[in-house]
Amino acid sequence: MDKERKSIGNRIFVHHKAVPAVKEVEFVSNRMLYIVLRGRWCNIIVLYVPAPSEEKSDDSKDSFYEELEQGFYHFPNYHMKILFGEHYR
């Protein structure tokens, strides 16, 4: 059995009752995606960004944090932002 970790990509599931609130879904890169939901008072942006493991190089970690910062500040401050992802040790 191959011990390498295989990735099949990022995905997000939306409950059928929430589908009408979906304004936008964007797969920014192979490790970042976001979905914009129409809220009552403001839009809700859900960012999914899995963190690199500790074994990754410092350059890989630096590029991750740069990408995370760009994605987070891409949206106006008055929107609600929710950040989640897998965080490895």
Protein backbone atom coordinates (compact mmCIF):
# COMPACT_ATOMS: atom_id res chain seq x y z
CA MET A 1 0.00 0.00 0.00
CA ASP A 2 1.28 3.45 -0.92
CA LYS A 3 2.00 5.44 2.25
CA GLU A 4 1.89 8.81 0.51
CA ARG A 5 -1.02 11.01 1.44
CA LYS A 6 -3.38 11.38 -1.50
CA SER A 7 -5.57 14.44 -1.93
CA ILE A 8 -8.75 14.46 -3.95
CA GLY A 9 -9.28 18.21 -3.66
CA ASN A 10 -11.33 20.58 -1.58
CA ARG A 11 -15.08 20.48 -1.46
CA ILE A 12 -17.88 22.07 0.48
CA PHE A 13 -21.36 20.78 1.19
CA VAL A 14 -24.36 23.06 1.57
CA HIS A 15 -27.63 21.98 3.13
CA HIS A 16 -30.49 22.07 0.62
CA LYS A 17 -32.28 24.76 2.67
CA ALA A 18 -29.22 27.02 2.49
CA VAL A 19 -28.70 26.71 -1.27
CA PRO A 20 -30.85 29.78 -2.10
CA ALA A 21 -28.53 31.90 0.10
CA VAL A 22 -25.40 30.93 -1.87
CA LYS A 23 -24.15 33.95 -3.80
CA GLU A 24 -20.72 32.71 -4.86
CA VAL A 25 -18.37 29.75 -4.55
CA GLU A 26 -14.73 30.12 -5.52
CA PHE A 27 -11.90 27.60 -5.50
CA VAL A 28 -8.99 30.02 -5.15
CA SER A 29 -6.25 27.40 -5.19
CA ASN A 30 -5.72 23.75 -4.47
CA ARG A 31 -5.78 24.55 -0.74
CA MET A 32 -8.23 27.43 -0.40
CA LEU A 33 -11.88 27.91 -1.21
CA TYR A 34 -14.62 30.22 -0.08
CA ILE A 35 -18.38 30.46 -0.24
CA VAL A 36 -20.38 33.67 0.11
CA LEU A 37 -23.81 33.35 1.70
CA ARG A 38 -26.48 36.04 1.75
CA GLY A 39 -27.22 36.85 5.38
CA ARG A 40 -29.95 38.93 6.92
CA TRP A 41 -27.78 41.98 7.66
CA CYS A 42 -24.53 41.18 5.91
CA ASN A 43 -22.96 38.54 3.72
CA ILE A 44 -21.29 35.59 5.41
CA ILE A 45 -17.99 34.48 3.92
CA VAL A 46 -16.81 31.00 4.85
CA LEU A 47 -13.13 30.39 4.04
CA TYR A 48 -11.76 26.86 4.07
CA VAL A 49 -7.97 26.78 4.29
CA PRO A 50 -6.22 23.65 5.59
CA ALA A 51 -2.90 24.47 7.23
CA PRO A 52 0.34 22.79 6.14
CA SER A 53 1.83 20.19 8.45
CA GLU A 54 4.93 20.90 10.52
CA GLU A 55 7.01 18.73 8.19
CA LYS A 56 6.48 21.19 5.34
CA SER A 57 9.24 23.64 4.48
CA ASP A 58 9.28 27.17 5.87
CA ASP A 59 8.75 28.52 2.35
CA SER A 60 5.59 26.43 2.03
CA LYS A 61 4.32 27.71 5.38
CA ASP A 62 5.14 31.32 4.47
CA SER A 63 3.27 31.04 1.17
CA PHE A 64 0.31 29.52 3.04
CA TYR A 65 0.09 32.48 5.43
CA GLU A 66 0.45 34.97 2.58
CA GLU A 67 -2.36 33.26 0.69
CA LEU A 68 -4.49 33.16 3.84
CA GLU A 69 -3.96 36.87 4.48
CA GLN A 70 -4.79 37.80 0.88
CA GLY A 71 -7.94 35.70 0.95
CA PHE A 72 -9.08 37.03 4.31
CA TYR A 73 -8.59 40.70 3.44
CA HIS A 74 -10.02 40.31 -0.07
CA PHE A 75 -13.51 40.92 1.35
CA PRO A 76 -14.88 44.11 2.92
CA ASN A 77 -14.70 44.37 6.72
CA TYR A 78 -18.47 44.66 7.15
CA HIS A 79 -19.01 41.06 6.01
CA MET A 80 -18.92 38.28 8.59
CA LYS A 81 -15.93 36.01 7.95
CA ILE A 82 -15.64 32.46 9.20
CA LEU A 83 -12.31 30.69 8.81
CA PHE A 84 -11.96 26.95 9.13
CA GLY A 85 -9.73 24.16 7.95
CA GLU A 86 -7.64 21.23 9.04
CA HIS A 87 -4.72 22.06 11.27
CA TYR A 88 -2.01 19.43 11.47
CA ARG A 89 0.58 18.92 14.15
